[in-house]
């Protein structure tokens, strides 16, 4: 089901600015501000391929910060704990559900906009993915996740490594998109989501990164 609503339907805004001219006579200037035509649409999406989620770990962030602040300790090889790394790879809302960053979805549909011939700078300023959890900026991912282990190439050591991630084999989401109808139409919003889900995707090993994961389509199609 797709729903749409119009936001920002208010009377024109008037501002009165008073100033004095060269003859020291007060002059009143009326400025009319036309409201932006903002619409909100909810678009359900469904997976075409599994979603791999790999949040940048807090432990790594802390290590980088300590190194930059000169607090880093001598490097040592910690014993890895796969299940803990798997849990740390998830994006979790304040209510405990797993999600994906709203900004990641926006980047995906912006790439979809480019494939449709739209100006990407206009889309960045006129289209926004509203998060289901404002505090964490996450869109809720519907579907069970599971532990995944992969052998990968470490770009620093150029050797083999193992990564532990969260995988959603089958997943869905509902994208709440607010947009400026003066820059982009409702039809174009659907086209952006459709094209972005098909050819760009989200998460690790998505098509944009030469993979085949994180692809999605419109649920009602």
N, C-alpha and C. Protein backbone atom coordinates (compact mmCIF):
# COMPACT_ATOMS: atom_id res chain seq x y z
N UNK A 1 0.84 -1.19 0.00
CA UNK A 1 0.00 0.00 0.00
C UNK A 1 0.88 1.24 0.00
N UNK A 2 0.53 2.21 -0.81
CA UNK A 2 1.28 3.46 -0.90
C UNK A 2 0.38 4.60 -0.45
N UNK A 3 0.88 5.44 0.40
CA UNK A 3 0.10 6.59 0.85
C UNK A 3 0.90 7.85 0.67
N UNK A 4 0.20 8.94 0.40
CA UNK A 4 0.88 10.22 0.21
C UNK A 4 0.08 11.32 0.89
N UNK A 5 0.77 12.32 1.36
CA UNK A 5 0.11 13.44 2.03
C UNK A 5 0.86 14.72 1.67
N UNK A 6 0.18 15.82 1.77
CA UNK A 6 0.80 17.11 1.49
C UNK A 6 1.07 17.82 2.79
N UNK A 7 2.28 18.29 2.94
CA UNK A 7 2.65 19.02 4.15
C UNK A 7 2.96 20.47 3.78
N UNK A 8 2.96 21.33 4.78
CA UNK A 8 3.35 22.71 4.57
C UNK A 8 2.31 23.53 3.83
N UNK A 9 1.02 23.23 4.01
CA UNK A 9 -0.03 24.01 3.35
C UNK A 9 -0.48 25.10 4.31
N UNK A 10 0.18 26.23 4.24
CA UNK A 10 -0.14 27.36 5.11
C UNK A 10 -0.37 28.59 4.25
N UNK A 11 -0.95 29.65 4.83
CA UNK A 11 -1.09 30.89 4.06
C UNK A 11 0.29 31.46 3.74
N UNK A 12 0.33 32.35 2.77
CA UNK A 12 1.59 33.00 2.46
C UNK A 12 2.07 33.76 3.68
N UNK A 13 3.37 33.78 3.86
CA UNK A 13 3.97 34.44 5.00
C UNK A 13 4.36 35.86 4.60
N UNK A 14 3.99 36.82 5.41
CA UNK A 14 4.34 38.20 5.13
C UNK A 14 5.29 38.71 6.20
N UNK A 15 6.35 39.36 5.80
CA UNK A 15 7.26 40.00 6.74
C UNK A 15 7.30 41.49 6.42
N UNK A 16 7.17 42.30 7.42
CA UNK A 16 7.22 43.74 7.24
C UNK A 16 8.58 44.24 7.69
N UNK A 17 9.29 44.85 6.78
CA UNK A 17 10.60 45.39 7.11
C UNK A 17 10.53 46.91 7.05
N UNK A 18 10.94 47.56 8.10
CA UNK A 18 10.92 49.02 8.16
C UNK A 18 12.34 49.56 8.10
N UNK A 19 12.54 50.56 7.28
CA UNK A 19 13.84 51.21 7.20
C UNK A 19 13.63 52.68 6.84
N UNK A 20 14.68 53.45 6.89
CA UNK A 20 14.59 54.88 6.58
C UNK A 20 15.34 55.16 5.29
N UNK A 21 14.70 56.00 4.43
CA UNK A 21 15.35 56.34 3.17
C UNK A 21 16.30 57.52 3.37
N UNK A 22 16.83 58.02 2.25
CA UNK A 22 17.81 59.10 2.34
C UNK A 22 17.22 60.37 2.95
N UNK A 23 15.91 60.53 2.84
CA UNK A 23 15.25 61.72 3.40
C UNK A 23 14.82 61.49 4.84
N UNK A 24 15.27 60.37 5.42
CA UNK A 24 14.94 60.01 6.80
C UNK A 24 13.45 59.79 7.01
N UNK A 25 12.80 59.32 5.93
CA UNK A 25 11.38 58.98 6.00
C UNK A 25 11.25 57.47 6.11
N UNK A 26 10.42 57.04 7.05
CA UNK A 26 10.27 55.60 7.25
C UNK A 26 9.55 54.96 6.08
N UNK A 27 10.13 53.91 5.56
CA UNK A 27 9.56 53.19 4.42
C UNK A 27 9.29 51.75 4.84
N UNK A 28 8.10 51.27 4.50
CA UNK A 28 7.72 49.90 4.84
C UNK A 28 7.75 49.03 3.59
N UNK A 29 8.45 47.92 3.67
CA UNK A 29 8.55 46.99 2.55
C UNK A 29 7.89 45.67 2.93
N UNK A 30 7.02 45.20 2.09
CA UNK A 30 6.33 43.93 2.33
C UNK A 30 7.00 42.83 1.51
N UNK A 31 7.37 41.76 2.19
CA UNK A 31 8.00 40.62 1.52
C UNK A 31 7.06 39.43 1.59
N UNK A 32 6.79 38.82 0.45
CA UNK A 32 5.93 37.65 0.41
C UNK A 32 6.80 36.39 0.24
N UNK A 33 6.64 35.46 1.16
CA UNK A 33 7.37 34.19 1.08
C UNK A 33 6.39 33.09 0.69
N UNK A 34 6.58 32.53 -0.48
CA UNK A 34 5.71 31.46 -0.92
C UNK A 34 6.14 30.14 -0.28
N UNK A 35 5.18 29.40 0.20
CA UNK A 35 5.50 28.14 0.85
C UNK A 35 5.99 27.10 -0.15
N UNK A 36 6.93 26.27 0.31
CA UNK A 36 7.37 25.14 -0.49
C UNK A 36 6.24 24.11 -0.52
N UNK A 37 6.07 23.48 -1.65
CA UNK A 37 5.05 22.44 -1.76
C UNK A 37 5.68 21.12 -1.36
N UNK A 38 5.58 20.83 -0.06
CA UNK A 38 6.21 19.62 0.48
C UNK A 38 5.18 18.50 0.56
N UNK A 39 5.55 17.35 0.04
CA UNK A 39 4.69 16.17 0.13
C UNK A 39 5.43 15.06 0.87
N UNK A 40 4.66 14.17 1.46
CA UNK A 40 5.22 13.01 2.15
C UNK A 40 4.57 11.75 1.60
N UNK A 41 5.38 10.77 1.24
CA UNK A 41 4.86 9.53 0.69
C UNK A 41 5.52 8.35 1.41
N UNK A 42 4.75 7.31 1.66
CA UNK A 42 5.27 6.08 2.25
C UNK A 42 5.30 5.01 1.17
N UNK A 43 6.49 4.46 0.92
CA UNK A 43 6.66 3.48 -0.14
C UNK A 43 7.20 2.17 0.44
N UNK A 44 6.40 1.11 0.44
CA UNK A 44 6.91 -0.20 0.91
C UNK A 44 7.86 -0.80 -0.11
N UNK A 45 8.95 -1.36 0.37
CA UNK A 45 9.90 -2.04 -0.51
C UNK A 45 10.13 -3.46 0.00
N UNK A 46 10.57 -4.33 -0.90
CA UNK A 46 10.82 -5.73 -0.54
C UNK A 46 12.12 -6.18 -1.21
N UNK A 47 12.82 -7.08 -0.56
CA UNK A 47 14.16 -7.47 -1.02
C UNK A 47 14.14 -8.24 -2.34
N UNK A 48 15.21 -8.02 -3.12
CA UNK A 48 15.50 -8.83 -4.29
C UNK A 48 16.72 -9.71 -4.03
N UNK A 49 17.51 -9.33 -3.01
CA UNK A 49 18.68 -10.11 -2.61
C UNK A 49 18.94 -9.85 -1.13
N UNK A 50 19.70 -10.71 -0.46
CA UNK A 50 19.96 -10.53 0.97
C UNK A 50 20.64 -9.20 1.26
N UNK A 51 20.45 -8.72 2.48
CA UNK A 51 21.04 -7.47 2.94
C UNK A 51 22.14 -7.78 3.96
N UNK A 52 23.34 -7.28 3.70
CA UNK A 52 24.46 -7.45 4.63
C UNK A 52 24.71 -6.14 5.36
N UNK A 53 24.60 -6.17 6.68
CA UNK A 53 24.78 -4.96 7.49
C UNK A 53 26.06 -5.10 8.29
N UNK A 54 26.90 -4.09 8.21
CA UNK A 54 28.20 -4.13 8.88
C UNK A 54 28.52 -2.74 9.44
N UNK A 55 27.94 -2.42 10.56
CA UNK A 55 28.17 -1.13 11.21
C UNK A 55 29.64 -1.00 11.63
N UNK A 56 30.20 0.20 11.44
CA UNK A 56 31.57 0.44 11.85
C UNK A 56 31.65 0.28 13.37
N UNK A 57 32.48 -0.62 13.88
CA UNK A 57 32.46 -0.96 15.31
C UNK A 57 32.92 0.18 16.22
N UNK A 58 32.26 0.28 17.38
CA UNK A 58 32.63 1.31 18.35
C UNK A 58 34.06 1.11 18.84
N UNK A 59 34.49 -0.14 18.93
CA UNK A 59 35.85 -0.44 19.39
C UNK A 59 36.87 0.16 18.43
N UNK A 60 36.60 0.06 17.14
CA UNK A 60 37.51 0.62 16.14
C UNK A 60 37.51 2.14 16.19
N UNK A 61 36.32 2.73 16.40
CA UNK A 61 36.23 4.19 16.53
C UNK A 61 37.07 4.67 17.70
N UNK A 62 36.97 3.95 18.82
CA UNK A 62 37.73 4.31 20.02
C UNK A 62 39.23 4.20 19.76
N UNK A 63 39.65 3.16 19.06
CA UNK A 63 41.06 2.97 18.77
C UNK A 63 41.60 4.10 17.89
N UNK A 64 40.81 4.53 16.91
CA UNK A 64 41.21 5.63 16.02
C UNK A 64 41.33 6.92 16.82
N UNK A 65 40.34 7.19 17.68
CA UNK A 65 40.36 8.41 18.49
C UNK A 65 41.57 8.43 19.42
N UNK A 66 41.88 7.30 20.04
CA UNK A 66 43.03 7.23 20.95
C UNK A 66 44.34 7.43 20.20
N UNK A 67 44.41 6.89 18.99
CA UNK A 67 45.62 7.07 18.19
C UNK A 67 45.82 8.52 17.82
N UNK A 68 44.75 9.21 17.44
CA UNK A 68 44.83 10.61 17.05
C UNK A 68 45.15 11.51 18.25
N UNK A 69 44.75 11.07 19.43
CA UNK A 69 45.01 11.84 20.64
C UNK A 69 46.30 11.43 21.34
N UNK A 70 47.04 10.51 20.71
CA UNK A 70 48.30 10.08 21.28
C UNK A 70 48.15 9.18 22.49
N UNK A 71 46.99 8.54 22.62
CA UNK A 71 46.73 7.67 23.76
C UNK A 71 46.79 6.19 23.40
N UNK A 72 47.12 5.91 22.16
CA UNK A 72 47.09 4.52 21.70
C UNK A 72 48.13 3.67 22.41
N UNK A 73 47.74 2.47 22.78
CA UNK A 73 48.65 1.52 23.42
C UNK A 73 49.32 0.67 22.35
N UNK A 74 50.35 -0.03 22.74
CA UNK A 74 51.05 -0.90 21.79
C UNK A 74 50.07 -1.92 21.21
N UNK A 75 50.18 -2.12 19.92
CA UNK A 75 49.24 -3.03 19.25
C UNK A 75 49.41 -4.46 19.76
N UNK A 76 48.29 -5.12 19.91
CA UNK A 76 48.33 -6.52 20.31
C UNK A 76 47.18 -7.25 19.63
N UNK A 77 47.34 -8.53 19.48
CA UNK A 77 46.32 -9.32 18.81
C UNK A 77 45.30 -9.81 19.84
N UNK A 78 44.13 -9.18 19.81
CA UNK A 78 43.08 -9.60 20.73
C UNK A 78 42.43 -10.89 20.21
N UNK A 79 41.93 -11.66 21.14
CA UNK A 79 41.17 -12.85 20.74
C UNK A 79 39.82 -12.40 20.23
N UNK A 80 39.51 -12.77 19.01
CA UNK A 80 38.25 -12.33 18.42
C UNK A 80 37.08 -13.14 18.94
N UNK A 81 35.94 -12.44 19.07
CA UNK A 81 34.72 -13.06 19.55
C UNK A 81 33.65 -12.88 18.48
N UNK A 82 33.50 -13.87 17.59
CA UNK A 82 32.62 -13.74 16.43
C UNK A 82 31.20 -13.30 16.77
N UNK A 83 30.57 -13.89 17.78
CA UNK A 83 29.20 -13.54 18.10
C UNK A 83 29.07 -12.09 18.57
N UNK A 84 30.08 -11.63 19.32
CA UNK A 84 30.06 -10.24 19.77
C UNK A 84 30.25 -9.29 18.58
N UNK A 85 31.12 -9.65 17.65
CA UNK A 85 31.33 -8.82 16.46
C UNK A 85 30.06 -8.79 15.60
N UNK A 86 29.38 -9.89 15.54
CA UNK A 86 28.10 -9.97 14.80
C UNK A 86 27.07 -9.02 15.40
N UNK A 87 26.95 -9.03 16.73
CA UNK A 87 26.00 -8.13 17.39
C UNK A 87 26.41 -6.68 17.20
N UNK A 88 27.73 -6.42 17.26
CA UNK A 88 28.22 -5.05 17.11
C UNK A 88 28.04 -4.53 15.69
N UNK A 89 27.88 -5.43 14.72
CA UNK A 89 27.71 -5.03 13.32
C UNK A 89 26.31 -4.52 13.02
N UNK A 90 25.38 -4.72 13.95
CA UNK A 90 23.99 -4.31 13.73
C UNK A 90 23.77 -2.83 14.07
N UNK A 91 22.81 -2.23 13.36
CA UNK A 91 22.33 -0.89 13.71
C UNK A 91 21.05 -1.09 14.54
N UNK A 92 21.08 -0.71 15.81
CA UNK A 92 19.95 -0.96 16.70
C UNK A 92 19.31 0.35 17.14
N UNK A 93 17.98 0.41 17.07
CA UNK A 93 17.24 1.61 17.49
C UNK A 93 17.13 1.65 19.01
N UNK A 94 16.62 2.77 19.52
CA UNK A 94 16.44 2.90 20.97
C UNK A 94 15.36 1.93 21.47
N UNK A 95 14.50 1.45 20.57
CA UNK A 95 13.46 0.48 20.95
C UNK A 95 13.90 -0.96 20.75
N UNK A 96 15.13 -1.16 20.27
CA UNK A 96 15.68 -2.50 20.17
C UNK A 96 15.55 -3.19 18.82
N UNK A 97 14.87 -2.58 17.84
CA UNK A 97 14.78 -3.23 16.54
C UNK A 97 15.98 -2.89 15.66
N UNK A 98 16.21 -3.75 14.67
CA UNK A 98 17.35 -3.56 13.78
C UNK A 98 16.94 -2.72 12.57
N UNK A 99 17.83 -1.83 12.18
CA UNK A 99 17.51 -0.96 11.06
C UNK A 99 18.71 -0.69 10.17
N UNK A 100 18.52 0.27 9.26
CA UNK A 100 19.59 0.69 8.36
C UNK A 100 19.55 2.21 8.27
N UNK A 101 20.72 2.87 8.22
CA UNK A 101 20.74 4.34 8.22
C UNK A 101 19.90 4.96 7.10
N UNK A 102 19.09 5.96 7.48
CA UNK A 102 18.27 6.66 6.49
C UNK A 102 19.14 7.30 5.41
N UNK A 103 20.34 7.78 5.81
CA UNK A 103 21.24 8.38 4.84
C UNK A 103 21.70 7.40 3.78
N UNK A 104 21.82 6.13 4.15
CA UNK A 104 22.20 5.10 3.17
C UNK A 104 21.13 4.90 2.12
N UNK A 105 19.87 4.93 2.56
CA UNK A 105 18.76 4.82 1.60
C UNK A 105 18.72 6.05 0.70
N UNK A 106 18.99 7.24 1.27
CA UNK A 106 18.96 8.45 0.45
C UNK A 106 20.03 8.40 -0.63
N UNK A 107 21.25 7.98 -0.28
CA UNK A 107 22.31 7.87 -1.27
C UNK A 107 21.91 6.90 -2.38
N UNK A 108 21.23 5.83 -2.00
CA UNK A 108 20.79 4.83 -2.98
C UNK A 108 19.81 5.43 -3.98
N UNK A 109 18.80 6.14 -3.50
CA UNK A 109 17.81 6.67 -4.43
C UNK A 109 18.34 7.87 -5.21
N UNK A 110 19.34 8.57 -4.67
CA UNK A 110 19.96 9.66 -5.42
C UNK A 110 20.67 9.08 -6.65
N UNK A 111 21.34 7.94 -6.47
CA UNK A 111 21.95 7.28 -7.62
C UNK A 111 20.88 6.84 -8.62
N UNK A 112 19.73 6.44 -8.09
CA UNK A 112 18.62 6.10 -8.96
C UNK A 112 18.11 7.30 -9.73
N UNK A 113 18.16 8.46 -9.09
CA UNK A 113 17.74 9.70 -9.76
C UNK A 113 18.65 10.03 -10.93
N UNK A 114 19.94 9.79 -10.75
CA UNK A 114 20.90 10.07 -11.82
C UNK A 114 20.63 9.21 -13.04
N UNK A 115 20.27 7.95 -12.81
CA UNK A 115 19.99 7.06 -13.93
C UNK A 115 18.75 7.51 -14.69
N UNK A 116 17.88 8.30 -14.01
CA UNK A 116 16.67 8.80 -14.66
C UNK A 116 16.85 10.18 -15.25
N UNK A 117 18.08 10.69 -15.22
CA UNK A 117 18.36 11.98 -15.84
C UNK A 117 18.07 13.19 -14.97
N UNK A 118 17.80 12.97 -13.67
CA UNK A 118 17.54 14.10 -12.77
C UNK A 118 18.85 14.70 -12.28
N UNK A 119 18.77 15.97 -11.87
CA UNK A 119 19.95 16.67 -11.36
C UNK A 119 20.15 16.28 -9.90
N UNK A 120 21.29 15.67 -9.60
CA UNK A 120 21.52 15.11 -8.27
C UNK A 120 21.57 16.18 -7.18
N UNK A 121 22.07 17.39 -7.52
CA UNK A 121 22.12 18.46 -6.52
C UNK A 121 20.71 18.90 -6.12
N UNK A 122 19.78 18.90 -7.06
CA UNK A 122 18.39 19.23 -6.75
C UNK A 122 17.78 18.16 -5.85
N UNK A 123 18.09 16.90 -6.14
CA UNK A 123 17.53 15.80 -5.36
C UNK A 123 18.06 15.84 -3.93
N UNK A 124 19.34 16.13 -3.77
CA UNK A 124 19.91 16.20 -2.41
C UNK A 124 19.20 17.24 -1.56
N UNK A 125 18.83 18.36 -2.18
CA UNK A 125 18.20 19.45 -1.44
C UNK A 125 16.70 19.31 -1.33
N UNK A 126 16.10 18.46 -2.17
CA UNK A 126 14.65 18.41 -2.22
C UNK A 126 14.02 17.10 -1.83
N UNK A 127 14.83 16.08 -1.48
CA UNK A 127 14.29 14.76 -1.14
C UNK A 127 14.97 14.26 0.14
N UNK A 128 14.15 13.78 1.09
CA UNK A 128 14.70 13.30 2.36
C UNK A 128 14.01 12.01 2.79
N UNK A 129 14.81 11.07 3.31
CA UNK A 129 14.27 9.85 3.90
C UNK A 129 14.08 10.10 5.39
N UNK A 130 12.85 10.03 5.85
CA UNK A 130 12.56 10.28 7.26
C UNK A 130 12.77 8.99 8.06
N UNK A 131 13.59 9.04 9.11
CA UNK A 131 13.88 7.81 9.87
C UNK A 131 12.70 7.35 10.71
N UNK A 132 12.64 6.05 10.96
CA UNK A 132 11.63 5.50 11.88
C UNK A 132 12.07 5.71 13.32
N UNK A 133 13.36 5.89 13.54
CA UNK A 133 13.91 6.22 14.86
C UNK A 133 14.78 7.45 14.69
N UNK A 134 14.30 8.59 15.16
CA UNK A 134 15.01 9.85 14.98
C UNK A 134 16.35 9.84 15.71
N UNK A 135 16.36 9.27 16.92
CA UNK A 135 17.58 9.29 17.74
C UNK A 135 18.76 8.59 17.07
N UNK A 136 18.48 7.52 16.35
CA UNK A 136 19.55 6.75 15.70
C UNK A 136 19.56 6.93 14.19
N UNK A 137 18.60 7.69 13.66
CA UNK A 137 18.49 7.96 12.23
C UNK A 137 18.36 6.68 11.41
N UNK A 138 17.54 5.75 11.91
CA UNK A 138 17.41 4.44 11.26
C UNK A 138 16.04 4.24 10.63
N UNK A 139 16.03 3.55 9.50
CA UNK A 139 14.81 3.02 8.89
C UNK A 139 14.70 1.57 9.35
N UNK A 140 13.53 1.18 9.80
CA UNK A 140 13.37 -0.18 10.34
C UNK A 140 13.44 -1.23 9.24
N UNK A 141 14.22 -2.27 9.47
CA UNK A 141 14.30 -3.41 8.56
C UNK A 141 13.42 -4.53 9.13
N UNK A 142 12.45 -4.96 8.33
CA UNK A 142 11.52 -6.00 8.75
C UNK A 142 12.04 -7.34 8.23
N UNK A 143 12.30 -8.25 9.15
CA UNK A 143 12.85 -9.56 8.77
C UNK A 143 13.91 -9.99 9.76
N UNK A 144 14.06 -11.30 9.92
CA UNK A 144 15.01 -11.84 10.88
C UNK A 144 16.44 -11.75 10.32
N UNK A 145 17.39 -11.45 11.21
CA UNK A 145 18.79 -11.44 10.81
C UNK A 145 19.48 -12.70 11.31
N UNK A 146 20.60 -13.03 10.68
CA UNK A 146 21.37 -14.20 11.11
C UNK A 146 22.87 -13.90 11.03
N UNK A 147 23.63 -14.69 11.73
CA UNK A 147 25.08 -14.57 11.76
C UNK A 147 25.67 -14.97 10.41
N UNK A 148 26.62 -14.17 9.92
CA UNK A 148 27.27 -14.50 8.65
C UNK A 148 28.78 -14.31 8.79
N UNK A 149 29.52 -15.27 8.26
CA UNK A 149 30.99 -15.24 8.29
C UNK A 149 31.51 -15.27 6.86
N UNK A 150 32.41 -14.34 6.54
CA UNK A 150 32.99 -14.28 5.20
C UNK A 150 34.50 -14.07 5.27
N UNK A 151 35.20 -14.67 4.29
CA UNK A 151 36.62 -14.41 4.13
C UNK A 151 36.77 -13.23 3.18
N UNK A 152 37.53 -12.24 3.60
CA UNK A 152 37.68 -11.01 2.81
C UNK A 152 39.17 -10.66 2.69
N UNK A 153 39.45 -9.73 1.79
CA UNK A 153 40.81 -9.25 1.60
C UNK A 153 40.99 -7.99 2.43
N UNK A 154 41.98 -7.99 3.33
CA UNK A 154 42.26 -6.83 4.17
C UNK A 154 43.03 -5.81 3.35
N UNK A 155 42.48 -4.59 3.13
CA UNK A 155 43.16 -3.59 2.28
C UNK A 155 44.43 -3.04 2.90
N UNK A 156 44.57 -3.18 4.22
CA UNK A 156 45.77 -2.65 4.89
C UNK A 156 46.94 -3.64 4.82
N UNK A 157 46.67 -4.88 5.19
CA UNK A 157 47.73 -5.89 5.19
C UNK A 157 47.83 -6.65 3.87
N UNK A 158 46.78 -6.51 3.02
CA UNK A 158 46.68 -7.22 1.75
C UNK A 158 46.61 -8.74 1.95
N UNK A 159 46.30 -9.13 3.16
CA UNK A 159 46.16 -10.54 3.45
C UNK A 159 44.69 -10.91 3.63
N UNK A 160 44.45 -12.18 3.86
CA UNK A 160 43.08 -12.64 4.06
C UNK A 160 42.63 -12.32 5.49
N UNK A 161 41.34 -12.09 5.63
CA UNK A 161 40.77 -11.80 6.94
C UNK A 161 39.37 -12.40 6.99
N UNK A 162 38.79 -12.41 8.17
CA UNK A 162 37.43 -12.91 8.35
C UNK A 162 36.58 -11.76 8.90
N UNK A 163 35.40 -11.59 8.34
CA UNK A 163 34.49 -10.58 8.86
C UNK A 163 33.19 -11.24 9.28
N UNK A 164 32.60 -10.72 10.34
CA UNK A 164 31.33 -11.25 10.87
C UNK A 164 30.28 -10.17 10.76
N UNK A 165 29.18 -10.49 10.08
CA UNK A 165 28.16 -9.49 9.78
C UNK A 165 26.76 -10.01 10.07
N UNK A 166 25.83 -9.07 10.01
CA UNK A 166 24.41 -9.40 10.13
C UNK A 166 23.81 -9.54 8.73
N UNK A 167 23.14 -10.64 8.47
CA UNK A 167 22.52 -10.87 7.16
C UNK A 167 21.01 -11.03 7.30
N UNK A 168 20.28 -10.28 6.48
CA UNK A 168 18.83 -10.45 6.35
C UNK A 168 18.59 -11.11 4.99
N UNK A 169 18.25 -12.40 5.02
CA UNK A 169 18.05 -13.11 3.75
C UNK A 169 16.81 -12.59 3.02
N UNK A 170 15.73 -12.46 3.76
CA UNK A 170 14.50 -11.87 3.23
C UNK A 170 14.17 -10.66 4.10
N UNK A 171 13.91 -9.53 3.49
CA UNK A 171 13.68 -8.33 4.28
C UNK A 171 12.75 -7.35 3.56
N UNK A 172 12.16 -6.47 4.35
CA UNK A 172 11.28 -5.43 3.83
C UNK A 172 11.51 -4.15 4.63
N UNK A 173 10.98 -3.06 4.12
CA UNK A 173 11.02 -1.78 4.83
C UNK A 173 9.95 -0.89 4.24
N UNK A 174 9.60 0.15 4.96
CA UNK A 174 8.68 1.17 4.45
C UNK A 174 9.43 2.50 4.47
N UNK A 175 9.68 3.05 3.30
CA UNK A 175 10.41 4.31 3.20
C UNK A 175 9.44 5.49 3.30
N UNK A 176 9.66 6.34 4.28
CA UNK A 176 8.89 7.58 4.42
C UNK A 176 9.72 8.68 3.80
N UNK A 177 9.24 9.20 2.68
CA UNK A 177 10.01 10.16 1.90
C UNK A 177 9.28 11.50 1.85
N UNK A 178 9.94 12.56 2.29
CA UNK A 178 9.41 13.91 2.13
C UNK A 178 10.16 14.57 0.98
N UNK A 179 9.43 15.30 0.13
CA UNK A 179 10.07 15.89 -1.04
C UNK A 179 9.40 17.19 -1.45
N UNK A 180 10.18 18.03 -2.11
CA UNK A 180 9.72 19.31 -2.63
C UNK A 180 9.18 19.08 -4.04
N UNK A 181 7.86 19.18 -4.18
CA UNK A 181 7.24 18.88 -5.47
C UNK A 181 7.58 19.92 -6.53
N UNK A 182 8.19 21.04 -6.10
CA UNK A 182 8.65 22.02 -7.07
C UNK A 182 9.92 21.58 -7.78
N UNK A 183 10.61 20.59 -7.19
CA UNK A 183 11.85 20.07 -7.78
C UNK A 183 11.70 18.68 -8.38
N UNK A 184 10.81 17.89 -7.79
CA UNK A 184 10.67 16.50 -8.24
C UNK A 184 9.22 16.07 -8.07
N UNK A 185 8.71 15.30 -8.99
CA UNK A 185 7.31 14.85 -8.95
C UNK A 185 7.18 13.53 -8.21
N UNK A 186 5.94 13.18 -7.88
CA UNK A 186 5.68 11.91 -7.21
C UNK A 186 6.08 10.74 -8.11
N UNK A 187 5.81 10.83 -9.40
CA UNK A 187 6.21 9.78 -10.34
C UNK A 187 7.72 9.59 -10.33
N UNK A 188 8.45 10.70 -10.27
CA UNK A 188 9.91 10.62 -10.27
C UNK A 188 10.44 10.01 -8.98
N UNK A 189 9.75 10.26 -7.85
CA UNK A 189 10.15 9.64 -6.58
C UNK A 189 10.07 8.12 -6.70
N UNK A 190 8.99 7.62 -7.24
CA UNK A 190 8.84 6.17 -7.42
C UNK A 190 9.91 5.62 -8.36
N UNK A 191 10.21 6.38 -9.43
CA UNK A 191 11.22 5.94 -10.38
C UNK A 191 12.59 5.88 -9.72
N UNK A 192 12.89 6.86 -8.86
CA UNK A 192 14.18 6.90 -8.14
C UNK A 192 14.34 5.69 -7.23
N UNK A 193 13.29 5.39 -6.48
CA UNK A 193 13.34 4.25 -5.56
C UNK A 193 13.49 2.95 -6.35
N UNK A 194 12.73 2.83 -7.42
CA UNK A 194 12.77 1.63 -8.26
C UNK A 194 14.15 1.42 -8.87
N UNK A 195 14.70 2.49 -9.47
CA UNK A 195 16.01 2.39 -10.13
C UNK A 195 17.13 2.20 -9.11
N UNK A 196 17.05 2.90 -7.98
CA UNK A 196 18.08 2.77 -6.95
C UNK A 196 18.11 1.38 -6.35
N UNK A 197 16.94 0.82 -6.11
CA UNK A 197 16.86 -0.53 -5.56
C UNK A 197 17.37 -1.58 -6.51
N UNK A 198 17.16 -1.38 -7.80
CA UNK A 198 17.58 -2.36 -8.80
C UNK A 198 19.09 -2.33 -9.04
N UNK A 199 19.66 -1.12 -9.19
CA UNK A 199 21.04 -1.02 -9.65
C UNK A 199 22.07 -0.51 -8.66
N UNK A 200 21.63 0.02 -7.52
CA UNK A 200 22.58 0.58 -6.54
C UNK A 200 22.59 -0.24 -5.26
N UNK A 201 21.42 -0.40 -4.64
CA UNK A 201 21.29 -1.19 -3.44
C UNK A 201 21.86 -0.52 -2.20
N UNK A 202 21.79 -1.24 -1.06
CA UNK A 202 22.29 -0.73 0.21
C UNK A 202 23.13 -1.82 0.90
N UNK A 203 23.95 -1.40 1.85
CA UNK A 203 24.72 -2.35 2.64
C UNK A 203 25.98 -2.84 1.94
N UNK A 204 26.63 -3.84 2.55
CA UNK A 204 27.86 -4.40 2.00
C UNK A 204 27.59 -5.22 0.74
N UNK A 205 28.58 -5.24 -0.14
CA UNK A 205 28.54 -6.00 -1.39
C UNK A 205 27.31 -5.68 -2.24
N UNK A 206 26.90 -4.43 -2.21
CA UNK A 206 25.79 -3.99 -3.05
C UNK A 206 26.27 -3.79 -4.50
N UNK A 207 25.36 -3.68 -5.48
CA UNK A 207 25.77 -3.54 -6.87
C UNK A 207 26.71 -2.36 -7.12
N UNK A 208 26.52 -1.27 -6.39
CA UNK A 208 27.39 -0.11 -6.56
C UNK A 208 28.84 -0.44 -6.23
N UNK A 209 29.05 -1.47 -5.38
CA UNK A 209 30.39 -1.92 -4.99
C UNK A 209 30.71 -3.28 -5.61
N UNK A 210 30.18 -3.51 -6.81
CA UNK A 210 30.47 -4.73 -7.59
C UNK A 210 29.92 -6.00 -6.95
N UNK A 211 28.89 -5.86 -6.12
CA UNK A 211 28.27 -7.04 -5.52
C UNK A 211 26.85 -7.23 -6.04
N UNK A 212 26.11 -8.10 -5.34
CA UNK A 212 24.73 -8.37 -5.76
C UNK A 212 23.79 -8.37 -4.56
N UNK A 213 24.26 -7.85 -3.43
CA UNK A 213 23.46 -7.84 -2.21
C UNK A 213 22.75 -6.49 -2.04
N UNK A 214 21.77 -6.47 -1.14
CA UNK A 214 21.09 -5.22 -0.80
C UNK A 214 20.18 -4.64 -1.84
N UNK A 215 19.77 -5.46 -2.82
CA UNK A 215 18.86 -4.96 -3.85
C UNK A 215 17.41 -5.08 -3.39
N UNK A 216 16.57 -4.19 -3.87
CA UNK A 216 15.15 -4.21 -3.49
C UNK A 216 14.30 -3.64 -4.62
N UNK A 217 12.99 -3.83 -4.49
CA UNK A 217 12.05 -3.29 -5.46
C UNK A 217 10.81 -2.81 -4.73
N UNK A 218 9.89 -2.18 -5.47
CA UNK A 218 8.64 -1.72 -4.88
C UNK A 218 7.78 -2.94 -4.54
N UNK A 219 7.22 -2.98 -3.36
CA UNK A 219 6.52 -4.19 -2.89
C UNK A 219 5.29 -4.49 -3.71
N UNK A 220 4.59 -3.49 -4.16
CA UNK A 220 3.33 -3.71 -4.87
C UNK A 220 3.53 -4.02 -6.35
N UNK A 221 4.79 -4.02 -6.80
CA UNK A 221 5.02 -4.27 -8.24
C UNK A 221 5.21 -5.76 -8.51
